[in-house]
Amino acid sequence: MNHKIILPIILFGNFYLAQNQFELKDASKNYNVKINVETCENNECSGKSTVELWDKKTSGKFQTLTSDNLNFYLNEDQKPTANIIQLYNEQSPLIFDDFNFDGTEDVAIRNGNESGYGGPSYDVYVFNITKKQFVPSDELTALAHENLGMFNTDSERKRLITYSKSGCCWHLTTEYTVVPQRGLFKVYELEEDATGGETVKVTKKEFINDQWTKNIKTYPINEYYKN
């Protein structure tokens, strides 16, 4: 009698857990990904999660990373997306890219909604060649917590780009380079201040030839934002 009672419960438990497990094979060049997330309801998943990385060459488990709140929505295929970074719109739970421009793939994992205006925040890991594993980057994680969601990566110019704002009418775009053995270095800043109502004060700062240059221009607001 006891076996007949316990068996359906175990099966139900496994079935329930399977609904919160997802496999992504195209998110990374080097790894297949298995995500286990605590809760999924109405196409939204969240809560404590594990992200397993499986080496595509060896088929072995490479590393397991965690998130206290891997918050994401399911797409039309009932799976999480990857590598989408849209300002004020979708930002995927997993972002694979070379964030420090050393030629190896890194990963950012969504962890809550702690960036500007309650936007998505990320824990960022870079691949350590010596340790042969992903290690946390405090600097890059700070970028993905202190601005408007995940930063963008410009691989051609080797720049990391962040966005921040205050209300409707003040915006700041900042670009960083990564200096080996030293970390992030700010090299560009564009401030757009339309708090005056009729004009936009645009302040551009650039680090050129070991010094900062500054240029300030003012435009009619209808002309500046006409596109």
C-alpha atoms as a PDB file:
ATOM      1  CA  MET A   1       0.000   0.000   0.000  1.00  0.00           C
ATOM      2  CA  ASN A   2       2.741   2.442   0.890  1.00  0.00           C
ATOM      3  CA  HIS A   3       4.524   1.914  -2.447  1.00  0.00           C
ATOM      4  CA  LYS A   4       1.341   2.647  -4.363  1.00  0.00           C
ATOM      5  CA  ILE A   5       0.933   5.924  -2.509  1.00  0.00           C
ATOM      6  CA  ILE A   6       4.528   7.116  -2.729  1.00  0.00           C
ATOM      7  CA  LEU A   7       5.169   6.279  -6.401  1.00  0.00           C
ATOM      8  CA  PRO A   8       2.718   8.790  -7.936  1.00  0.00           C
ATOM      9  CA  ILE A   9       4.147  11.517  -5.696  1.00  0.00           C
ATOM     10  CA  ILE A  10       7.682  10.822  -6.872  1.00  0.00           C
ATOM     11  CA  LEU A  11       6.627  10.812 -10.496  1.00  0.00           C
ATOM     12  CA  PHE A  12       4.757  14.057 -10.024  1.00  0.00           C
ATOM     13  CA  GLY A  13       7.787  15.589  -8.374  1.00  0.00           C
ATOM     14  CA  ASN A  14      10.035  14.656 -11.284  1.00  0.00           C
ATOM     15  CA  PHE A  15       7.485  15.928 -13.771  1.00  0.00           C
ATOM     16  CA  TYR A  16       7.239  19.216 -11.899  1.00  0.00           C
ATOM     17  CA  LEU A  17      10.999  19.695 -11.832  1.00  0.00           C
ATOM     18  CA  ALA A  18      11.245  18.923 -15.544  1.00  0.00           C
ATOM     19  CA  GLN A  19       9.036  21.887 -16.319  1.00  0.00           C
ATOM     20  CA  ASN A  20      11.670  24.190 -14.786  1.00  0.00           C
ATOM     21  CA  GLN A  21      14.639  22.728 -16.621  1.00  0.00           C
ATOM     22  CA  PHE A  22      15.747  24.131 -19.967  1.00  0.00           C
ATOM     23  CA  GLU A  23      18.524  23.214 -22.369  1.00  0.00           C
ATOM     24  CA  LEU A  24      20.124  25.711 -24.745  1.00  0.00           C
ATOM     25  CA  LYS A  25      22.484  24.470 -27.462  1.00  0.00           C
ATOM     26  CA  ASP A  26      22.990  27.669 -29.454  1.00  0.00           C
ATOM     27  CA  ALA A  27      23.642  30.196 -26.689  1.00  0.00           C
ATOM     28  CA  SER A  28      27.413  29.659 -26.619  1.00  0.00           C
ATOM     29  CA  LYS A  29      30.107  28.711 -29.102  1.00  0.00           C
ATOM     30  CA  ASN A  30      31.769  26.388 -26.618  1.00  0.00           C
ATOM     31  CA  TYR A  31      29.097  25.127 -24.244  1.00  0.00           C
ATOM     32  CA  ASN A  32      25.672  23.587 -24.151  1.00  0.00           C
ATOM     33  CA  VAL A  33      23.668  25.032 -21.280  1.00  0.00           C
ATOM     34  CA  LYS A  34      21.250  23.426 -18.833  1.00  0.00           C
ATOM     35  CA  ILE A  35      19.211  25.787 -16.671  1.00  0.00           C
ATOM     36  CA  ASN A  36      17.346  24.693 -13.559  1.00  0.00           C
ATOM     37  CA  VAL A  37      15.155  27.458 -12.144  1.00  0.00           C
ATOM     38  CA  GLU A  38      13.068  27.405  -8.984  1.00  0.00           C
ATOM     39  CA  THR A  39       9.738  28.728 -10.266  1.00  0.00           C
ATOM     40  CA  CYS A  40       7.960  29.099 -13.607  1.00  0.00           C
ATOM     41  CA  GLU A  41       4.460  30.512 -13.944  1.00  0.00           C
ATOM     42  CA  ASN A  42       2.639  32.203 -16.847  1.00  0.00           C
ATOM     43  CA  ASN A  43       5.751  32.171 -19.066  1.00  0.00           C
ATOM     44  CA  GLU A  44       7.871  33.891 -16.393  1.00  0.00           C
ATOM     45  CA  CYS A  45      10.594  32.093 -14.449  1.00  0.00           C
ATOM     46  CA  SER A  46      12.480  33.298 -11.404  1.00  0.00           C
ATOM     47  CA  GLY A  47      14.166  32.285  -8.190  1.00  0.00           C
ATOM     48  CA  LYS A  48      17.257  30.355  -7.205  1.00  0.00           C
ATOM     49  CA  SER A  49      18.831  28.662 -10.200  1.00  0.00           C
ATOM     50  CA  THR A  50      21.771  26.676 -11.434  1.00  0.00           C
ATOM     51  CA  VAL A  51      23.390  27.122 -14.836  1.00  0.00           C
ATOM     52  CA  GLU A  52      25.330  24.067 -15.977  1.00  0.00           C
ATOM     53  CA  LEU A  53      27.870  24.485 -18.763  1.00  0.00           C
ATOM     54  CA  TRP A  54      28.641  21.346 -20.770  1.00  0.00           C
ATOM     55  CA  ASP A  55      31.696  21.315 -23.020  1.00  0.00           C
ATOM     56  CA  LYS A  56      30.638  20.792 -26.637  1.00  0.00           C
ATOM     57  CA  LYS A  57      33.909  19.047 -27.527  1.00  0.00           C
ATOM     58  CA  THR A  58      34.083  16.552 -24.665  1.00  0.00           C
ATOM     59  CA  SER A  59      30.349  16.384 -23.758  1.00  0.00           C
ATOM     60  CA  GLY A  60      31.438  16.608 -20.115  1.00  0.00           C
ATOM     61  CA  LYS A  61      30.159  19.032 -17.515  1.00  0.00           C
ATOM     62  CA  PHE A  62      32.523  21.991 -17.445  1.00  0.00           C
ATOM     63  CA  GLN A  63      31.223  24.190 -14.621  1.00  0.00           C
ATOM     64  CA  THR A  64      28.077  24.993 -12.653  1.00  0.00           C
ATOM     65  CA  LEU A  65      27.198  28.617 -11.834  1.00  0.00           C
ATOM     66  CA  THR A  66      24.346  29.879  -9.668  1.00  0.00           C
ATOM     67  CA  SER A  67      21.937  32.805  -9.436  1.00  0.00           C
ATOM     68  CA  ASP A  68      19.742  33.850  -6.525  1.00  0.00           C
ATOM     69  CA  ASN A  69      17.129  35.144  -8.958  1.00  0.00           C
ATOM     70  CA  LEU A  70      17.455  34.112 -12.594  1.00  0.00           C
ATOM     71  CA  ASN A  71      14.447  36.118 -13.741  1.00  0.00           C
ATOM     72  CA  PHE A  72      13.362  35.660 -17.392  1.00  0.00           C
ATOM     73  CA  TYR A  73      10.426  35.178 -19.753  1.00  0.00           C
ATOM     74  CA  LEU A  74       9.953  32.205 -22.058  1.00  0.00           C
ATOM     75  CA  ASN A  75       9.878  32.777 -25.812  1.00  0.00           C
ATOM     76  CA  GLU A  76       7.375  31.294 -28.296  1.00  0.00           C
ATOM     77  CA  ASP A  77       9.234  27.970 -28.100  1.00  0.00           C
ATOM     78  CA  GLN A  78       8.793  27.948 -24.321  1.00  0.00           C
ATOM     79  CA  LYS A  79      12.507  28.458 -23.761  1.00  0.00           C
ATOM     80  CA  PRO A  80      14.626  31.278 -22.371  1.00  0.00           C
ATOM     81  CA  THR A  81      16.475  33.432 -24.879  1.00  0.00           C
ATOM     82  CA  ALA A  82      20.216  34.123 -24.839  1.00  0.00           C
ATOM     83  CA  ASN A  83      22.462  37.022 -25.856  1.00  0.00           C
ATOM     84  CA  ILE A  84      19.691  39.589 -26.346  1.00  0.00           C
ATOM     85  CA  ILE A  85      20.392  43.040 -24.861  1.00  0.00           C
ATOM     86  CA  GLN A  86      17.702  45.602 -25.632  1.00  0.00           C
ATOM     87  CA  LEU A  87      17.603  48.881 -23.747  1.00  0.00           C
ATOM     88  CA  TYR A  88      14.180  49.263 -22.070  1.00  0.00           C
ATOM     89  CA  ASN A  89      13.136  45.890 -23.498  1.00  0.00           C
ATOM     90  CA  GLU A  90      14.212  42.265 -23.437  1.00  0.00           C
ATOM     91  CA  GLN A  91      17.490  41.276 -21.838  1.00  0.00           C
ATOM     92  CA  SER A  92      18.237  37.558 -21.827  1.00  0.00           C
ATOM     93  CA  PRO A  93      19.103  35.610 -18.669  1.00  0.00           C
ATOM     94  CA  LEU A  94      22.418  34.518 -20.221  1.00  0.00           C
ATOM     95  CA  ILE A  95      24.860  36.634 -22.217  1.00  0.00           C
ATOM     96  CA  PHE A  96      27.925  34.981 -23.775  1.00  0.00           C
ATOM     97  CA  ASP A  97      30.595  37.269 -25.232  1.00  0.00           C
ATOM     98  CA  ASP A  98      34.239  38.241 -24.877  1.00  0.00           C
ATOM     99  CA  PHE A  99      33.815  41.048 -22.333  1.00  0.00           C
ATOM    100  CA  ASN A 100      37.509  41.684 -21.641  1.00  0.00           C
ATOM    101  CA  PHE A 101      38.691  41.214 -25.242  1.00  0.00           C
ATOM    102  CA  ASP A 102      41.251  38.520 -24.449  1.00  0.00           C
ATOM    103  CA  GLY A 103      39.989  36.126 -27.113  1.00  0.00           C
ATOM    104  CA  THR A 104      38.031  33.818 -24.802  1.00  0.00           C
ATOM    105  CA  GLU A 105      34.306  33.567 -24.246  1.00  0.00           C
ATOM    106  CA  ASP A 106      32.899  35.000 -20.997  1.00  0.00           C
ATOM    107  CA  VAL A 107      29.390  34.823 -19.516  1.00  0.00           C
ATOM    108  CA  ALA A 108      26.936  37.087 -17.692  1.00  0.00           C
ATOM    109  CA  ILE A 109      24.105  35.516 -15.692  1.00  0.00           C
ATOM    110  CA  ARG A 110      21.037  37.484 -14.711  1.00  0.00           C
ATOM    111  CA  ASN A 111      20.624  37.922 -10.981  1.00  0.00           C
ATOM    112  CA  GLY A 112      17.552  39.926 -10.038  1.00  0.00           C
ATOM    113  CA  ASN A 113      16.392  43.402 -10.969  1.00  0.00           C
ATOM    114  CA  GLU A 114      18.877  45.625  -9.195  1.00  0.00           C
ATOM    115  CA  SER A 115      20.087  47.925 -11.963  1.00  0.00           C
ATOM    116  CA  GLY A 116      18.711  51.405 -12.703  1.00  0.00           C
ATOM    117  CA  TYR A 117      14.917  51.803 -12.439  1.00  0.00           C
ATOM    118  CA  GLY A 118      14.523  48.199 -11.312  1.00  0.00           C
ATOM    119  CA  GLY A 119      16.035  46.832 -14.505  1.00  0.00           C
ATOM    120  CA  PRO A 120      17.826  43.489 -14.933  1.00  0.00           C
ATOM    121  CA  SER A 121      21.148  43.045 -13.174  1.00  0.00           C
ATOM    122  CA  TYR A 122      23.866  40.509 -13.944  1.00  0.00           C
ATOM    123  CA  ASP A 123      26.733  38.662 -12.340  1.00  0.00           C
ATOM    124  CA  VAL A 124      29.598  38.674 -14.828  1.00  0.00           C
ATOM    125  CA  TYR A 125      32.211  35.918 -15.089  1.00  0.00           C
ATOM    126  CA  VAL A 126      35.375  35.996 -17.193  1.00  0.00           C
ATOM    127  CA  PHE A 127      37.303  32.944 -18.321  1.00  0.00           C
ATOM    128  CA  ASN A 128      40.551  32.527 -16.420  1.00  0.00           C
ATOM    129  CA  ILE A 129      43.064  30.755 -18.655  1.00  0.00           C
ATOM    130  CA  THR A 130      45.262  29.670 -15.739  1.00  0.00           C
ATOM    131  CA  LYS A 131      42.417  28.221 -13.660  1.00  0.00           C
ATOM    132  CA  LYS A 132      40.589  27.014 -16.789  1.00  0.00           C
ATOM    133  CA  GLN A 133      37.237  28.108 -15.418  1.00  0.00           C
ATOM    134  CA  PHE A 134      34.963  31.129 -15.161  1.00  0.00           C
ATOM    135  CA  VAL A 135      35.714  33.469 -12.261  1.00  0.00           C
ATOM    136  CA  PRO A 136      33.622  36.419 -11.001  1.00  0.00           C
ATOM    137  CA  SER A 137      34.564  39.915 -12.170  1.00  0.00           C
ATOM    138  CA  ASP A 138      33.635  42.527  -9.561  1.00  0.00           C
ATOM    139  CA  GLU A 139      34.269  45.417 -11.977  1.00  0.00           C
ATOM    140  CA  LEU A 140      32.095  44.065 -14.770  1.00  0.00           C
ATOM    141  CA  THR A 141      29.381  42.970 -12.353  1.00  0.00           C
ATOM    142  CA  ALA A 142      29.303  46.521 -10.981  1.00  0.00           C
ATOM    143  CA  LEU A 143      28.756  47.868 -14.514  1.00  0.00           C
ATOM    144  CA  ALA A 144      25.775  45.533 -14.900  1.00  0.00           C
ATOM    145  CA  HIS A 145      24.263  46.637 -11.585  1.00  0.00           C
ATOM    146  CA  GLU A 146      24.858  50.391 -11.553  1.00  0.00           C
ATOM    147  CA  ASN A 147      23.478  51.307 -14.996  1.00  0.00           C
ATOM    148  CA  LEU A 148      20.460  50.426 -17.142  1.00  0.00           C
ATOM    149  CA  GLY A 149      20.787  46.664 -17.328  1.00  0.00           C
ATOM    150  CA  MET A 150      23.531  44.753 -19.095  1.00  0.00           C
ATOM    151  CA  PHE A 151      26.269  46.702 -20.870  1.00  0.00           C
ATOM    152  CA  ASN A 152      26.854  46.378 -24.619  1.00  0.00           C
ATOM    153  CA  THR A 153      30.080  44.984 -26.071  1.00  0.00           C
ATOM    154  CA  ASP A 154      31.610  46.580 -29.151  1.00  0.00           C
ATOM    155  CA  SER A 155      34.134  43.947 -30.227  1.00  0.00           C
ATOM    156  CA  GLU A 156      35.431  45.928 -33.219  1.00  0.00           C
ATOM    157  CA  ARG A 157      36.376  48.988 -31.163  1.00  0.00           C
ATOM    158  CA  LYS A 158      37.014  46.934 -28.004  1.00  0.00           C
ATOM    159  CA  ARG A 159      34.666  49.037 -25.926  1.00  0.00           C
ATOM    160  CA  LEU A 160      32.097  48.296 -23.238  1.00  0.00           C
ATOM    161  CA  ILE A 161      29.132  50.685 -23.360  1.00  0.00           C
ATOM    162  CA  THR A 162      26.780  51.544 -20.498  1.00  0.00           C
ATOM    163  CA  TYR A 163      23.645  53.675 -20.357  1.00  0.00           C
ATOM    164  CA  SER A 164      22.101  55.556 -17.449  1.00  0.00           C
ATOM    165  CA  LYS A 165      19.362  58.130 -17.029  1.00  0.00           C
ATOM    166  CA  SER A 166      17.516  60.363 -14.608  1.00  0.00           C
ATOM    167  CA  GLY A 167      13.834  60.795 -15.386  1.00  0.00           C
ATOM    168  CA  CYS A 168      12.789  61.436 -18.965  1.00  0.00           C
ATOM    169  CA  CYS A 169      15.253  64.090 -19.915  1.00  0.00           C
ATOM    170  CA  TRP A 170      18.800  63.298 -18.778  1.00  0.00           C
ATOM    171  CA  HIS A 171      20.814  60.491 -20.348  1.00  0.00           C
ATOM    172  CA  LEU A 172      24.426  59.397 -20.079  1.00  0.00           C
ATOM    173  CA  THR A 173      26.340  57.040 -22.391  1.00  0.00           C
ATOM    174  CA  THR A 174      29.741  55.878 -21.159  1.00  0.00           C
ATOM    175  CA  GLU A 175      32.388  53.786 -22.898  1.00  0.00           C
ATOM    176  CA  TYR A 176      35.231  51.824 -21.302  1.00  0.00           C
ATOM    177  CA  THR A 177      38.274  49.979 -22.535  1.00  0.00           C
ATOM    178  CA  VAL A 178      39.845  47.060 -20.692  1.00  0.00           C
ATOM    179  CA  VAL A 179      43.499  47.571 -19.821  1.00  0.00           C
ATOM    180  CA  PRO A 180      45.333  44.258 -19.236  1.00  0.00           C
ATOM    181  CA  GLN A 181      46.321  43.748 -15.592  1.00  0.00           C
ATOM    182  CA  ARG A 182      44.621  47.014 -14.647  1.00  0.00           C
ATOM    183  CA  GLY A 183      40.945  46.628 -15.494  1.00  0.00           C
ATOM    184  CA  LEU A 184      38.371  49.100 -16.774  1.00  0.00           C
ATOM    185  CA  PHE A 185      39.327  52.552 -18.014  1.00  0.00           C
ATOM    186  CA  LYS A 186      36.730  55.151 -18.990  1.00  0.00           C
ATOM    187  CA  VAL A 187      37.470  56.752 -22.369  1.00  0.00           C
ATOM    188  CA  TYR A 188      34.221  58.377 -23.532  1.00  0.00           C
ATOM    189  CA  GLU A 189      31.180  60.066 -22.043  1.00  0.00           C
ATOM    190  CA  LEU A 190      28.136  61.581 -23.747  1.00  0.00           C
ATOM    191  CA  GLU A 191      25.719  63.537 -21.569  1.00  0.00           C
ATOM    192  CA  GLU A 192      22.372  64.634 -23.034  1.00  0.00           C
ATOM    193  CA  ASP A 193      20.578  67.097 -20.773  1.00  0.00           C
ATOM    194  CA  ALA A 194      17.090  68.144 -21.888  1.00  0.00           C
ATOM    195  CA  THR A 195      15.822  69.122 -18.454  1.00  0.00           C
ATOM    196  CA  GLY A 196      15.467  72.725 -19.631  1.00  0.00           C
ATOM    197  CA  GLY A 197      12.488  71.749 -21.787  1.00  0.00           C
ATOM    198  CA  GLU A 198      13.233  73.536 -25.077  1.00  0.00           C
ATOM    199  CA  THR A 199      16.909  72.763 -25.634  1.00  0.00           C
ATOM    200  CA  VAL A 200      19.316  69.859 -25.226  1.00  0.00           C
ATOM    201  CA  LYS A 201      22.751  70.486 -23.773  1.00  0.00           C
ATOM    202  CA  VAL A 202      25.114  67.874 -25.185  1.00  0.00           C
ATOM    203  CA  THR A 203      28.427  67.408 -23.412  1.00  0.00           C
ATOM    204  CA  LYS A 204      30.961  65.075 -25.019  1.00  0.00           C
ATOM    205  CA  LYS A 205      34.141  64.022 -23.227  1.00  0.00           C
ATOM    206  CA  GLU A 206      36.845  61.882 -24.811  1.00  0.00           C
ATOM    207  CA  PHE A 207      40.178  60.589 -23.533  1.00  0.00           C
ATOM    208  CA  ILE A 208      42.607  61.235 -26.394  1.00  0.00           C
ATOM    209  CA  ASN A 209      46.410  61.221 -26.278  1.00  0.00           C
ATOM    210  CA  ASP A 210      46.464  60.718 -22.512  1.00  0.00           C
ATOM    211  CA  GLN A 211      44.188  63.633 -21.753  1.00  0.00           C
ATOM    212  CA  TRP A 212      40.482  64.458 -21.616  1.00  0.00           C
ATOM    213  CA  THR A 213      38.858  66.710 -24.186  1.00  0.00           C
ATOM    214  CA  LYS A 214      35.466  68.325 -23.627  1.00  0.00           C
ATOM    215  CA  ASN A 215      32.962  69.707 -26.096  1.00  0.00           C
ATOM    216  CA  ILE A 216      29.618  71.309 -25.217  1.00  0.00           C
ATOM    217  CA  LYS A 217      26.858  72.169 -27.692  1.00  0.00           C
ATOM    218  CA  THR A 218      23.229  73.160 -27.313  1.00  0.00           C
ATOM    219  CA  TYR A 219      20.492  72.184 -29.768  1.00  0.00           C
ATOM    220  CA  PRO A 220      16.765  72.927 -30.064  1.00  0.00           C
ATOM    221  CA  ILE A 221      15.060  69.873 -28.606  1.00  0.00           C
ATOM    222  CA  ASN A 222      12.846  69.282 -31.691  1.00  0.00           C
ATOM    223  CA  GLU A 223      15.881  69.354 -33.971  1.00  0.00           C
ATOM    224  CA  TYR A 224      18.040  67.057 -31.830  1.00  0.00           C
ATOM    225  CA  TYR A 225      15.381  64.374 -31.372  1.00  0.00           C
ATOM    226  CA  LYS A 226      13.704  64.663 -34.791  1.00  0.00           C
ATOM    227  CA  ASN A 227      14.680  61.109 -35.729  1.00  0.00           C
END
